[in-house]
Protein backbone atom coordinates (compact mmCIF):
# COMPACT_ATOMS: atom_id res chain seq x y z
CA ALA A 1 0.00 0.00 0.00
CA ILE A 2 1.10 3.53 -0.70
CA GLY A 3 -0.06 6.54 1.29
CA ILE A 4 0.22 10.09 -0.01
CA THR A 5 0.54 13.29 1.94
CA ASN A 6 0.73 16.69 0.30
CA GLN A 7 0.31 20.42 0.53
CA ARG A 8 -3.46 20.54 0.16
CA GLU A 9 -3.63 24.05 -1.23
CA THR A 10 -1.04 23.59 -4.00
CA THR A 11 -2.89 23.68 -7.33
CA VAL A 12 -1.93 21.61 -10.37
CA VAL A 13 -3.42 21.67 -13.89
CA TRP A 14 -2.34 19.22 -16.58
CA ASP A 15 -3.26 18.04 -20.06
CA ARG A 16 -5.41 14.89 -20.11
CA VAL A 17 -4.00 13.78 -23.48
CA THR A 18 -0.27 14.46 -23.02
CA GLY A 19 -0.09 14.20 -19.23
CA LYS A 20 2.11 17.31 -19.18
CA PRO A 21 1.55 20.18 -16.74
CA LEU A 22 -0.16 23.17 -18.33
CA HIS A 23 1.51 25.59 -15.91
CA ASP A 24 3.85 25.41 -12.94
CA ALA A 25 2.02 24.36 -9.80
CA ILE A 26 0.84 27.31 -7.73
CA VAL A 27 1.84 26.62 -4.14
CA TRP A 28 -0.07 27.40 -0.98
CA LEU A 29 1.82 30.56 -0.07
CA ASP A 30 1.78 32.15 -3.55
CA MET A 31 0.27 35.61 -3.29
CA ARG A 32 0.00 36.54 -7.00
CA THR A 33 -3.74 35.90 -6.72
CA THR A 34 -4.33 38.79 -4.29
CA SER A 35 -5.95 41.00 -6.94
CA THR A 36 -8.19 38.07 -7.95
CA VAL A 37 -9.30 37.78 -4.33
CA ASP A 38 -10.09 41.50 -4.20
CA SER A 39 -12.27 41.19 -7.33
CA LEU A 40 -14.05 38.10 -6.00
CA ILE A 41 -14.84 39.74 -2.66
CA LYS A 42 -16.31 42.75 -4.49
CA ALA A 43 -18.49 40.35 -6.51
CA THR A 44 -20.16 38.91 -3.39
CA THR A 45 -23.48 40.27 -2.19
CA LEU A 46 -22.00 40.95 1.25
CA LYS A 47 -18.70 42.36 -0.09
CA SER A 48 -17.07 40.07 2.47
CA LYS A 49 -14.31 37.48 2.39
CA ASP A 50 -16.65 35.29 4.46
CA ALA A 51 -19.55 35.34 1.97
CA LEU A 52 -19.05 31.71 0.84
CA GLN A 53 -18.23 30.15 4.20
CA SER A 54 -21.69 28.64 4.70
CA VAL A 55 -21.18 26.57 1.53
CA CYS A 56 -17.44 25.80 1.41
CA GLY A 57 -16.34 26.54 4.98
CA LEU A 58 -13.53 28.85 3.90
CA PRO A 59 -12.94 32.59 3.45
CA ILE A 60 -12.07 33.98 0.04
CA ASN A 61 -8.29 34.02 0.32
CA PRO A 62 -5.25 33.57 -1.98
CA TYR A 63 -4.41 30.42 -0.01
CA PHE A 64 -7.12 28.24 -1.59
CA SER A 65 -7.21 26.42 -4.94
CA ALA A 66 -10.37 27.98 -6.41
CA VAL A 67 -8.67 31.36 -6.45
CA LYS A 68 -5.52 29.86 -7.99
CA LEU A 69 -7.56 28.10 -10.68
CA ARG A 70 -9.43 31.33 -11.45
CA TRP A 71 -6.06 33.11 -11.74
CA LEU A 72 -4.77 30.42 -14.13
CA LEU A 73 -7.88 30.73 -16.29
CA ASP A 74 -7.44 34.51 -16.40
CA ASN A 75 -3.68 34.49 -17.06
CA SER A 76 -2.68 31.42 -19.05
CA ASP A 77 -3.54 30.94 -22.72
CA VAL A 78 -2.32 27.34 -22.51
CA VAL A 79 -4.76 26.56 -19.68
CA ARG A 80 -7.67 28.25 -21.47
CA GLU A 81 -6.92 26.32 -24.68
CA ALA A 82 -6.86 22.99 -22.81
CA VAL A 83 -10.16 23.89 -21.12
CA GLY A 84 -11.67 24.67 -24.53
CA ARG A 85 -10.68 21.19 -25.74
CA GLY A 86 -11.96 19.54 -22.54
CA ASP A 87 -8.43 18.38 -21.72
CA CYS A 88 -7.65 20.43 -18.58
CA MET A 89 -7.28 18.21 -15.51
CA PHE A 90 -7.40 20.02 -12.16
CA GLY A 91 -6.33 18.87 -8.76
CA THR A 92 -4.10 19.21 -5.78
CA VAL A 93 -0.81 17.33 -5.57
CA ASP A 94 -2.50 14.14 -4.31
CA SER A 95 -4.73 13.81 -7.38
CA TRP A 96 -1.81 14.60 -9.72
CA LEU A 97 0.30 11.87 -8.07
CA VAL A 98 -2.46 9.23 -8.01
CA TRP A 99 -3.38 9.94 -11.64
CA ASN A 100 0.24 9.49 -12.72
CA LEU A 101 0.96 6.49 -10.49
CA THR A 102 -2.14 4.65 -11.74
CA GLY A 103 -1.35 5.08 -15.42
CA GLY A 104 -1.73 8.77 -16.31
CA ILE A 105 -2.70 9.06 -19.97
CA ARG A 106 -3.15 5.27 -20.09
CA GLY A 107 -6.20 5.25 -17.81
CA GLY A 108 -4.98 6.92 -14.62
CA VAL A 109 -7.48 7.34 -11.81
CA HIS A 110 -8.44 10.99 -11.19
CA VAL A 111 -9.41 11.07 -7.53
CA THR A 112 -8.92 13.05 -4.33
CA ASP A 113 -10.08 12.57 -0.79
CA VAL A 114 -12.63 14.75 0.95
CA THR A 115 -10.04 16.46 3.16
CA ASN A 116 -8.08 17.71 0.15
CA ALA A 117 -11.24 18.65 -1.77
CA SER A 118 -12.46 20.63 1.24
CA ARG A 119 -9.46 22.95 0.93
CA THR A 120 -10.23 24.02 -2.65
CA MET A 121 -13.25 26.31 -1.90
CA LEU A 122 -15.14 24.34 -4.56
CA MET A 123 -16.57 21.51 -2.43
CA ASN A 124 -19.86 21.86 -0.60
CA ILE A 125 -19.16 21.01 3.05
CA LYS A 126 -22.64 19.54 3.53
CA SER A 127 -22.93 17.32 0.43
CA LEU A 128 -19.16 16.60 0.18
CA GLN A 129 -19.41 17.09 -3.60
CA TRP A 130 -18.16 19.71 -6.04
CA ASP A 131 -20.66 22.56 -5.80
CA LYS A 132 -22.28 24.08 -8.91
CA SER A 133 -22.97 27.41 -7.21
CA LEU A 134 -19.28 27.72 -6.24
CA MET A 135 -18.21 26.76 -9.77
CA THR A 136 -20.52 29.49 -11.07
CA PHE A 137 -19.25 32.08 -8.59
CA PHE A 138 -15.60 31.37 -9.54
CA ASP A 139 -16.60 31.13 -13.24
CA ILE A 140 -15.03 27.69 -13.66
CA PRO A 141 -15.83 26.35 -17.15
CA LYS A 142 -17.28 22.88 -17.64
CA GLY A 143 -14.16 21.99 -19.65
CA VAL A 144 -12.13 21.69 -16.42
CA ARG A 145 -11.98 18.06 -15.28
CA PHE A 146 -12.19 17.63 -11.52
CA PRO A 147 -11.16 14.54 -9.56
CA ASN A 148 -13.80 12.30 -8.04
CA ILE A 149 -14.11 12.98 -4.32
CA GLU A 150 -13.66 9.91 -2.13
CA VAL A 151 -15.17 10.31 1.34
CA ARG A 152 -13.44 7.23 2.76
CA PRO A 153 -9.98 6.02 1.78
CA LYS A 154 -10.17 2.84 -0.27
CA TYR A 155 -8.39 0.86 -2.92
CA THR A 156 -7.78 3.30 -5.76
CA GLY A 157 -5.85 1.47 -8.45
CA MET A 158 -2.74 -0.43 -9.41
CA LEU A 159 0.67 1.22 -9.54
CA GLN A 160 1.69 1.38 -13.20
CA LEU A 161 5.25 2.71 -12.86
CA GLY A 162 8.64 1.56 -11.63
CA PRO A 163 9.79 -1.49 -9.69
CA SER A 164 6.61 -1.57 -7.57
CA LYS A 165 4.34 -1.87 -10.63
CA GLY A 166 1.13 -3.69 -9.73
CA PHE A 167 0.79 -2.37 -6.17
CA LEU A 168 -1.24 0.45 -4.66
């Protein structure tokens, strides 16, 4: 068995067909999204960083993945093109690793656990699913492919790389 730990707020986007990253990962402490946060707060009815907390449990803050994904969509032609083709995979480091370790472009499993999903600002904390109203608020296009959220850890797939091939 393999266990994965990661920086939950680091955001990764990659191409479903090539398996290559579409942009460098944006790590948890990256503050280039501050102006995006300011715009998002102004777009809330309450004009408050806490306007979405009842749905996602988090304040609007540069720390979280939804803001980083919005920034990527606003600032990267490569990401927007992949979204337009339906080839943009989104996740945190755990989903990127599992997808690659279970085969990547040859049928990798795109999954995350509920604790990582909860740190994106895109999961509803009551339903434990990706939330359409949050996707709408952050203007996330349907062409972005999100990992399946697993509430309980379970068997995910078989390792497809290296000397441990066949285990996971």
